Amino acid sequence: MIATAKIRSTKHLQTVQLPPGFEFTADEVWVRKDEATGEIILTPKAPGPDSDGLKSLFMLLDEAPLPADFLSERSNPVEVPRNPLEDWSA
């Protein structure tokens, strides 16, 4: 669906008046600009104080905490420094 929206400008901001059928159900939107095309994209944020999802993540960790030995047996081999110009010839 394509329609025309009205843009209103003040000294410090612009507002976009959306036509019927383009209403958001969220209170806020994410705004990003596609640098290649110049298009401005509005994406609804999830409603409520948990819009970033961090609260849900911490609740999940509280419900099922990681074991005390999580990643304790991981072995990280020592990296031998290498010459970045090793394969380069002039």
PDB file of N, CA and C in Angstrom:
ATOM      1  N   MET A   1       0.850  -1.169   0.000  1.00  0.00           N
ATOM      2  CA  MET A   1       0.000   0.000   0.000  1.00  0.00           C
ATOM      3  C   MET A   1       0.897   1.233   0.000  1.00  0.00           C
ATOM      4  N   ILE A   2       0.603   2.174  -0.854  1.00  0.00           N
ATOM      5  CA  ILE A   2       1.363   3.420  -0.947  1.00  0.00           C
ATOM      6  C   ILE A   2       0.400   4.578  -0.763  1.00  0.00           C
ATOM      7  N   ALA A   3       0.822   5.573   0.017  1.00  0.00           N
ATOM      8  CA  ALA A   3       0.026   6.775   0.243  1.00  0.00           C
ATOM      9  C   ALA A   3       0.982   7.940   0.476  1.00  0.00           C
ATOM     10  N   THR A   4       0.439   9.122   0.525  1.00  0.00           N
ATOM     11  CA  THR A   4       1.237  10.317   0.773  1.00  0.00           C
ATOM     12  C   THR A   4       1.011  10.782   2.198  1.00  0.00           C
ATOM     13  N   ALA A   5       2.104  11.115   2.888  1.00  0.00           N
ATOM     14  CA  ALA A   5       2.023  11.632   4.252  1.00  0.00           C
ATOM     15  C   ALA A   5       2.429  13.103   4.236  1.00  0.00           C
ATOM     16  N   LYS A   6       1.855  13.870   5.140  1.00  0.00           N
ATOM     17  CA  LYS A   6       2.188  15.288   5.257  1.00  0.00           C
ATOM     18  C   LYS A   6       3.352  15.454   6.225  1.00  0.00           C
ATOM     19  N   ILE A   7       4.264  16.373   5.917  1.00  0.00           N
ATOM     20  CA  ILE A   7       5.396  16.676   6.781  1.00  0.00           C
ATOM     21  C   ILE A   7       5.240  18.105   7.276  1.00  0.00           C
ATOM     22  N   ARG A   8       5.382  18.282   8.581  1.00  0.00           N
ATOM     23  CA  ARG A   8       5.320  19.602   9.191  1.00  0.00           C
ATOM     24  C   ARG A   8       6.662  19.857   9.868  1.00  0.00           C
ATOM     25  N   SER A   9       7.200  21.039   9.674  1.00  0.00           N
ATOM     26  CA  SER A   9       8.505  21.380  10.232  1.00  0.00           C
ATOM     27  C   SER A   9       8.390  22.541  11.198  1.00  0.00           C
ATOM     28  N   THR A  10       9.155  22.471  12.273  1.00  0.00           N
ATOM     29  CA  THR A  10       9.343  23.593  13.180  1.00  0.00           C
ATOM     30  C   THR A  10      10.836  23.878  13.187  1.00  0.00           C
ATOM     31  N   LYS A  11      11.249  24.752  14.057  1.00  0.00           N
ATOM     32  CA  LYS A  11      12.660  25.133  14.085  1.00  0.00           C
ATOM     33  C   LYS A  11      13.579  23.945  14.400  1.00  0.00           C
ATOM     34  N   HIS A  12      13.135  23.037  15.278  1.00  0.00           N
ATOM     35  CA  HIS A  12      14.019  21.977  15.757  1.00  0.00           C
ATOM     36  C   HIS A  12      13.605  20.557  15.384  1.00  0.00           C
ATOM     37  N   LEU A  13      12.429  20.376  14.802  1.00  0.00           N
ATOM     38  CA  LEU A  13      12.018  19.012  14.490  1.00  0.00           C
ATOM     39  C   LEU A  13      11.017  18.977  13.352  1.00  0.00           C
ATOM     40  N   GLN A  14      10.830  17.758  12.835  1.00  0.00           N
ATOM     41  CA  GLN A  14       9.819  17.518  11.812  1.00  0.00           C
ATOM     42  C   GLN A  14       8.853  16.477  12.341  1.00  0.00           C
ATOM     43  N   THR A  15       7.597  16.600  11.947  1.00  0.00           N
ATOM     44  CA  THR A  15       6.612  15.572  12.252  1.00  0.00           C
ATOM     45  C   THR A  15       6.025  15.070  10.946  1.00  0.00           C
ATOM     46  N   VAL A  16       5.659  13.808  10.947  1.00  0.00           N
ATOM     47  CA  VAL A  16       5.046  13.191   9.775  1.00  0.00           C
ATOM     48  C   VAL A  16       3.632  12.796  10.166  1.00  0.00           C
ATOM     49  N   GLN A  17       2.674  13.285   9.421  1.00  0.00           N
ATOM     50  CA  GLN A  17       1.272  12.952   9.686  1.00  0.00           C
ATOM     51  C   GLN A  17       0.913  11.770   8.793  1.00  0.00           C
ATOM     52  N   LEU A  18       0.728  10.606   9.416  1.00  0.00           N
ATOM     53  CA  LEU A  18       0.453   9.389   8.657  1.00  0.00           C
ATOM     54  C   LEU A  18      -1.009   9.316   8.243  1.00  0.00           C
ATOM     55  N   PRO A  19      -1.274   8.869   7.031  1.00  0.00           N
ATOM     56  CA  PRO A  19      -2.663   8.731   6.581  1.00  0.00           C
ATOM     57  C   PRO A  19      -3.322   7.503   7.216  1.00  0.00           C
ATOM     58  N   PRO A  20      -4.647   7.406   7.140  1.00  0.00           N
ATOM     59  CA  PRO A  20      -5.348   6.238   7.677  1.00  0.00           C
ATOM     60  C   PRO A  20      -4.808   4.948   7.064  1.00  0.00           C
ATOM     61  N   GLY A  21      -4.693   3.930   7.902  1.00  0.00           N
ATOM     62  CA  GLY A  21      -4.174   2.644   7.464  1.00  0.00           C
ATOM     63  C   GLY A  21      -2.689   2.474   7.747  1.00  0.00           C
ATOM     64  N   PHE A  22      -2.025   3.549   8.161  1.00  0.00           N
ATOM     65  CA  PHE A  22      -0.597   3.489   8.464  1.00  0.00           C
ATOM     66  C   PHE A  22      -0.313   3.776   9.939  1.00  0.00           C
ATOM     67  N   GLU A  23      -1.311   3.634  10.793  1.00  0.00           N
ATOM     68  CA  GLU A  23      -1.150   3.949  12.204  1.00  0.00           C
ATOM     69  C   GLU A  23      -0.221   2.944  12.884  1.00  0.00           C
ATOM     70  N   PHE A  24       0.526   3.425  13.885  1.00  0.00           N
ATOM     71  CA  PHE A  24       1.352   2.561  14.726  1.00  0.00           C
ATOM     72  C   PHE A  24       0.566   2.213  15.973  1.00  0.00           C
ATOM     73  N   THR A  25       0.750   1.006  16.476  1.00  0.00           N
ATOM     74  CA  THR A  25       0.134   0.630  17.746  1.00  0.00           C
ATOM     75  C   THR A  25       1.099   0.890  18.901  1.00  0.00           C
ATOM     76  N   ALA A  26       2.369   1.089  18.607  1.00  0.00           N
ATOM     77  CA  ALA A  26       3.376   1.347  19.630  1.00  0.00           C
ATOM     78  C   ALA A  26       3.409   2.831  19.973  1.00  0.00           C
ATOM     79  N   ASP A  27       3.976   3.151  21.135  1.00  0.00           N
ATOM     80  CA  ASP A  27       4.121   4.541  21.562  1.00  0.00           C
ATOM     81  C   ASP A  27       5.369   5.197  20.968  1.00  0.00           C
ATOM     82  N   GLU A  28       6.352   4.363  20.574  1.00  0.00           N
ATOM     83  CA  GLU A  28       7.598   4.874  20.024  1.00  0.00           C
ATOM     84  C   GLU A  28       8.008   4.023  18.828  1.00  0.00           C
ATOM     85  N   VAL A  29       8.849   4.618  17.965  1.00  0.00           N
ATOM     86  CA  VAL A  29       9.381   3.880  16.818  1.00  0.00           C
ATOM     87  C   VAL A  29      10.891   4.057  16.768  1.00  0.00           C
ATOM     88  N   TRP A  30      11.585   3.052  16.211  1.00  0.00           N
ATOM     89  CA  TRP A  30      12.998   3.180  15.899  1.00  0.00           C
ATOM     90  C   TRP A  30      13.085   3.895  14.557  1.00  0.00           C
ATOM     91  N   VAL A  31      14.042   4.797  14.393  1.00  0.00           N
ATOM     92  CA  VAL A  31      14.222   5.526  13.150  1.00  0.00           C
ATOM     93  C   VAL A  31      15.624   5.236  12.632  1.00  0.00           C
ATOM     94  N   ARG A  32      15.710   4.838  11.370  1.00  0.00           N
ATOM     95  CA  ARG A  32      17.028   4.646  10.770  1.00  0.00           C
ATOM     96  C   ARG A  32      16.983   5.126   9.331  1.00  0.00           C
ATOM     97  N   LYS A  33      18.162   5.465   8.821  1.00  0.00           N
ATOM     98  CA  LYS A  33      18.263   5.956   7.455  1.00  0.00           C
ATOM     99  C   LYS A  33      19.164   5.019   6.665  1.00  0.00           C
ATOM    100  N   ASP A  34      18.681   4.555   5.537  1.00  0.00           N
ATOM    101  CA  ASP A  34      19.466   3.716   4.655  1.00  0.00           C
ATOM    102  C   ASP A  34      20.425   4.643   3.909  1.00  0.00           C
ATOM    103  N   GLU A  35      21.713   4.522   4.204  1.00  0.00           N
ATOM    104  CA  GLU A  35      22.694   5.431   3.622  1.00  0.00           C
ATOM    105  C   GLU A  35      22.804   5.277   2.098  1.00  0.00           C
ATOM    106  N   ALA A  36      22.529   4.087   1.595  1.00  0.00           N
ATOM    107  CA  ALA A  36      22.645   3.857   0.154  1.00  0.00           C
ATOM    108  C   ALA A  36      21.511   4.523  -0.620  1.00  0.00           C
ATOM    109  N   THR A  37      20.287   4.442  -0.097  1.00  0.00           N
ATOM    110  CA  THR A  37      19.131   4.959  -0.827  1.00  0.00           C
ATOM    111  C   THR A  37      18.602   6.274  -0.275  1.00  0.00           C
ATOM    112  N   GLY A  38      18.952   6.607   0.976  1.00  0.00           N
ATOM    113  CA  GLY A  38      18.430   7.806   1.612  1.00  0.00           C
ATOM    114  C   GLY A  38      17.052   7.617   2.222  1.00  0.00           C
ATOM    115  N   GLU A  39      16.505   6.390   2.112  1.00  0.00           N
ATOM    116  CA  GLU A  39      15.177   6.125   2.675  1.00  0.00           C
ATOM    117  C   GLU A  39      15.225   6.155   4.198  1.00  0.00           C
ATOM    118  N   ILE A  40      14.177   6.689   4.794  1.00  0.00           N
ATOM    119  CA  ILE A  40      14.033   6.716   6.246  1.00  0.00           C
ATOM    120  C   ILE A  40      13.026   5.641   6.621  1.00  0.00           C
ATOM    121  N   ILE A  41      13.417   4.764   7.533  1.00  0.00           N
ATOM    122  CA  ILE A  41      12.591   3.617   7.906  1.00  0.00           C
ATOM    123  C   ILE A  41      12.162   3.754   9.357  1.00  0.00           C
ATOM    124  N   LEU A  42      10.867   3.622   9.601  1.00  0.00           N
ATOM    125  CA  LEU A  42      10.306   3.648  10.948  1.00  0.00           C
ATOM    126  C   LEU A  42       9.899   2.231  11.320  1.00  0.00           C
ATOM    127  N   THR A  43      10.357   1.755  12.479  1.00  0.00           N
ATOM    128  CA  THR A  43      10.021   0.417  12.957  1.00  0.00           C
ATOM    129  C   THR A  43       9.450   0.538  14.358  1.00  0.00           C
ATOM    130  N   PRO A  44       8.261  -0.012  14.622  1.00  0.00           N
ATOM    131  CA  PRO A  44       7.677   0.117  15.953  1.00  0.00           C
ATOM    132  C   PRO A  44       8.537  -0.547  17.026  1.00  0.00           C
ATOM    133  N   LYS A  45       8.682   0.141  18.158  1.00  0.00           N
ATOM    134  CA  LYS A  45       9.356  -0.446  19.315  1.00  0.00           C
ATOM    135  C   LYS A  45       8.308  -1.253  20.074  1.00  0.00           C
ATOM    136  N   ALA A  46       8.754  -2.272  20.754  1.00  0.00           N
ATOM    137  CA  ALA A  46       7.830  -3.073  21.563  1.00  0.00           C
ATOM    138  C   ALA A  46       7.253  -2.188  22.662  1.00  0.00           C
ATOM    139  N   PRO A  47       5.973  -2.328  22.967  1.00  0.00           N
ATOM    140  CA  PRO A  47       5.369  -1.483  23.995  1.00  0.00           C
ATOM    141  C   PRO A  47       5.866  -1.842  25.391  1.00  0.00           C
ATOM    142  N   GLY A  48       5.809  -0.883  26.282  1.00  0.00           N
ATOM    143  CA  GLY A  48       6.139  -1.128  27.677  1.00  0.00           C
ATOM    144  C   GLY A  48       7.579  -0.797  28.016  1.00  0.00           C
ATOM    145  N   PRO A  49       7.898  -0.875  29.323  1.00  0.00           N
ATOM    146  CA  PRO A  49       9.235  -0.503  29.779  1.00  0.00           C
ATOM    147  C   PRO A  49      10.309  -1.503  29.373  1.00  0.00           C
ATOM    148  N   ASP A  50       9.911  -2.689  28.903  1.00  0.00           N
ATOM    149  CA  ASP A  50      10.873  -3.730  28.561  1.00  0.00           C
ATOM    150  C   ASP A  50      11.158  -3.745  27.066  1.00  0.00           C
ATOM    151  N   SER A  51      11.148  -2.585  26.428  1.00  0.00           N
ATOM    152  CA  SER A  51      11.261  -2.552  24.976  1.00  0.00           C
ATOM    153  C   SER A  51      12.605  -3.042  24.469  1.00  0.00           C
ATOM    154  N   ASP A  52      13.651  -2.967  25.280  1.00  0.00           N
ATOM    155  CA  ASP A  52      14.951  -3.417  24.794  1.00  0.00           C
ATOM    156  C   ASP A  52      15.201  -4.892  25.072  1.00  0.00           C
ATOM    157  N   GLY A  53      14.331  -5.551  25.813  1.00  0.00           N
ATOM    158  CA  GLY A  53      14.450  -6.990  26.022  1.00  0.00           C
ATOM    159  C   GLY A  53      15.446  -7.396  27.091  1.00  0.00           C
ATOM    160  N   LEU A  54      16.196  -6.450  27.661  1.00  0.00           N
ATOM    161  CA  LEU A  54      17.177  -6.822  28.670  1.00  0.00           C
ATOM    162  C   LEU A  54      16.530  -7.378  29.935  1.00  0.00           C
ATOM    163  N   LYS A  55      15.407  -6.828  30.312  1.00  0.00           N
ATOM    164  CA  LYS A  55      14.730  -7.319  31.506  1.00  0.00           C
ATOM    165  C   LYS A  55      14.334  -8.782  31.316  1.00  0.00           C
ATOM    166  N   SER A  56      13.842  -9.128  30.136  1.00  0.00           N
ATOM    167  CA  SER A  56      13.484 -10.518  29.846  1.00  0.00           C
ATOM    168  C   SER A  56      14.700 -11.425  29.909  1.00  0.00           C
ATOM    169  N   LEU A  57      15.826 -10.945  29.388  1.00  0.00           N
ATOM    170  CA  LEU A  57      17.053 -11.736  29.421  1.00  0.00           C
ATOM    171  C   LEU A  57      17.477 -12.017  30.856  1.00  0.00           C
ATOM    172  N   PHE A  58      17.477 -11.004  31.702  1.00  0.00           N
ATOM    173  CA  PHE A  58      17.885 -11.204  33.083  1.00  0.00           C
ATOM    174  C   PHE A  58      16.908 -12.099  33.834  1.00  0.00           C
ATOM    175  N   MET A  59      15.627 -12.008  33.498  1.00  0.00           N
ATOM    176  CA  MET A  59      14.647 -12.900  34.128  1.00  0.00           C
ATOM    177  C   MET A  59      14.923 -14.351  33.736  1.00  0.00           C
ATOM    178  N   LEU A  60      15.265 -14.600  32.469  1.00  0.00           N
ATOM    179  CA  LEU A  60      15.607 -15.949  32.028  1.00  0.00           C
ATOM    180  C   LEU A  60      16.841 -16.473  32.745  1.00  0.00           C
ATOM    181  N   LEU A  61      17.843 -15.623  32.919  1.00  0.00           N
ATOM    182  CA  LEU A  61      19.051 -16.041  33.629  1.00  0.00           C
ATOM    183  C   LEU A  61      18.764 -16.350  35.091  1.00  0.00           C
ATOM    184  N   ASP A  62      17.849 -15.600  35.706  1.00  0.00           N
ATOM    185  CA  ASP A  62      17.469 -15.884  37.095  1.00  0.00           C
ATOM    186  C   ASP A  62      16.731 -17.209  37.207  1.00  0.00           C
ATOM    187  N   GLU A  63      15.899 -17.512  36.217  1.00  0.00           N
ATOM    188  CA  GLU A  63      15.123 -18.755  36.251  1.00  0.00           C
ATOM    189  C   GLU A  63      15.997 -19.982  36.006  1.00  0.00           C
ATOM    190  N   ALA A  64      16.972 -19.863  35.134  1.00  0.00           N
ATOM    191  CA  ALA A  64      17.856 -20.984  34.799  1.00  0.00           C
ATOM    192  C   ALA A  64      19.287 -20.471  34.743  1.00  0.00           C
ATOM    193  N   PRO A  65      19.908 -20.266  35.915  1.00  0.00           N
ATOM    194  CA  PRO A  65      21.265 -19.704  35.906  1.00  0.00           C
ATOM    195  C   PRO A  65      22.263 -20.653  35.260  1.00  0.00           C
ATOM    196  N   LEU A  66      23.342 -20.077  34.775  1.00  0.00           N
ATOM    197  CA  LEU A  66      24.401 -20.877  34.172  1.00  0.00           C
ATOM    198  C   LEU A  66      25.121 -21.661  35.264  1.00  0.00           C
ATOM    199  N   PRO A  67      25.565 -22.877  34.960  1.00  0.00           N
ATOM    200  CA  PRO A  67      26.296 -23.653  35.960  1.00  0.00           C
ATOM    201  C   PRO A  67      27.606 -22.958  36.347  1.00  0.00           C
ATOM    202  N   ALA A  68      28.084 -23.213  37.551  1.00  0.00           N
ATOM    203  CA  ALA A  68      29.303 -22.573  38.051  1.00  0.00           C
ATOM    204  C   ALA A  68      30.513 -22.914  37.184  1.00  0.00           C
ATOM    205  N   ASP A  69      30.511 -24.090  36.556  1.00  0.00           N
ATOM    206  CA  ASP A  69      31.657 -24.499  35.743  1.00  0.00           C
ATOM    207  C   ASP A  69      31.485 -24.167  34.261  1.00  0.00           C
ATOM    208  N   PHE A  70      30.575 -23.303  33.943  1.00  0.00           N
ATOM    209  CA  PHE A  70      30.338 -22.931  32.554  1.00  0.00           C
ATOM    210  C   PHE A  70      31.614 -22.367  31.933  1.00  0.00           C
ATOM    211  N   LEU A  71      32.071 -22.980  30.863  1.00  0.00           N
ATOM    212  CA  LEU A  71      33.287 -22.620  30.134  1.00  0.00           C
ATOM    213  C   LEU A  71      34.569 -22.760  30.949  1.00  0.00           C
ATOM    214  N   SER A  72      34.539 -23.434  32.109  1.00  0.00           N
ATOM    215  CA  SER A  72      35.749 -23.539  32.915  1.00  0.00           C
ATOM    216  C   SER A  72      36.776 -24.476  32.302  1.00  0.00           C
ATOM    217  N   GLU A  73      36.360 -25.452  31.499  1.00  0.00           N
ATOM    218  CA  GLU A  73      37.291 -26.393  30.911  1.00  0.00           C
ATOM    219  C   GLU A  73      37.737 -25.993  29.512  1.00  0.00           C
ATOM    220  N   ARG A  74      37.412 -24.827  29.125  1.00  0.00           N
ATOM    221  CA  ARG A  74      37.785 -24.359  27.798  1.00  0.00           C
ATOM    222  C   ARG A  74      39.283 -24.093  27.754  1.00  0.00           C
ATOM    223  N   SER A  75      39.945 -24.612  26.740  1.00  0.00           N
ATOM    224  CA  SER A  75      41.379 -24.356  26.605  1.00  0.00           C
ATOM    225  C   SER A  75      41.607 -23.430  25.414  1.00  0.00           C
ATOM    226  N   ASN A  76      42.275 -22.370  25.676  1.00  0.00           N
ATOM    227  CA  ASN A  76      42.619 -21.418  24.632  1.00  0.00           C
ATOM    228  C   ASN A  76      44.105 -21.554  24.338  1.00  0.00           C
ATOM    229  N   PRO A  77      44.453 -22.104  23.171  1.00  0.00           N
ATOM    230  CA  PRO A  77      45.872 -22.249  22.861  1.00  0.00           C
ATOM    231  C   PRO A  77      46.549 -20.886  22.737  1.00  0.00           C
ATOM    232  N   VAL A  78      47.810 -20.862  23.113  1.00  0.00           N
ATOM    233  CA  VAL A  78      48.574 -19.624  23.023  1.00  0.00           C
ATOM    234  C   VAL A  78      48.870 -19.355  21.556  1.00  0.00           C
ATOM    235  N   GLU A  79      48.558 -18.159  21.117  1.00  0.00           N
ATOM    236  CA  GLU A  79      48.810 -17.799  19.733  1.00  0.00           C
ATOM    237  C   GLU A  79      50.262 -17.406  19.548  1.00  0.00           C
ATOM    238  N   VAL A  80      50.880 -17.984  18.541  1.00  0.00           N
ATOM    239  CA  VAL A  80      52.253 -17.635  18.226  1.00  0.00           C
ATOM    240  C   VAL A  80      52.217 -16.412  17.310  1.00  0.00           C
ATOM    241  N   PRO A  81      52.908 -15.347  17.704  1.00  0.00           N
ATOM    242  CA  PRO A  81      52.912 -14.161  16.841  1.00  0.00           C
ATOM    243  C   PRO A  81      53.499 -14.504  15.478  1.00  0.00           C
ATOM    244  N   ARG A  82      52.916 -13.943  14.448  1.00  0.00           N
ATOM    245  CA  ARG A  82      53.425 -14.205  13.107  1.00  0.00           C
ATOM    246  C   ARG A  82      53.754 -12.892  12.420  1.00  0.00           C
ATOM    247  N   ASN A  83      54.580 -13.001  11.422  1.00  0.00           N
ATOM    248  CA  ASN A  83      54.984 -11.843  10.643  1.00  0.00           C
ATOM    249  C   ASN A  83      53.906 -11.581   9.598  1.00  0.00           C
ATOM    250  N   PRO A  84      53.209 -10.432   9.628  1.00  0.00           N
ATOM    251  CA  PRO A  84      52.139 -10.183   8.660  1.00  0.00           C
ATOM    252  C   PRO A  84      52.650 -10.030   7.231  1.00  0.00           C
ATOM    253  N   LEU A  85      53.943  -9.798   7.066  1.00  0.00           N
ATOM    254  CA  LEU A  85      54.503  -9.633   5.721  1.00  0.00           C
ATOM    255  C   LEU A  85      55.214 -10.897   5.243  1.00  0.00           C
ATOM    256  N   GLU A  86      54.988 -11.992   5.941  1.00  0.00           N
ATOM    257  CA  GLU A  86      55.679 -13.252   5.672  1.00  0.00           C
ATOM    258  C   GLU A  86      55.551 -13.713   4.222  1.00  0.00           C
ATOM    259  N   ASP A  87      54.374 -13.645   3.654  1.00  0.00           N
ATOM    260  CA  ASP A  87      54.135 -14.132   2.297  1.00  0.00           C
ATOM    261  C   ASP A  87      54.246 -13.050   1.228  1.00  0.00           C
ATOM    262  N   TRP A  88      54.631 -11.870   1.619  1.00  0.00           N
ATOM    263  CA  TRP A  88      54.686 -10.734   0.699  1.00  0.00           C
ATOM    264  C   TRP A  88      56.064 -10.660   0.058  1.00  0.00           C
ATOM    265  N   SER A  89      56.073 -10.432  -1.215  1.00  0.00           N
ATOM    266  CA  SER A  89      57.362 -10.251  -1.883  1.00  0.00           C
ATOM    267  C   SER A  89      57.310  -8.982  -2.718  1.00  0.00           C
ATOM    268  N   ALA A  90      58.439  -8.303  -2.773  1.00  0.00           N
ATOM    269  CA  ALA A  90      58.496  -7.018  -3.488  1.00  0.00           C
ATOM    270  C   ALA A  90      58.870  -7.187  -4.934  1.00  0.00           C
TER     271      ALA A  90
END
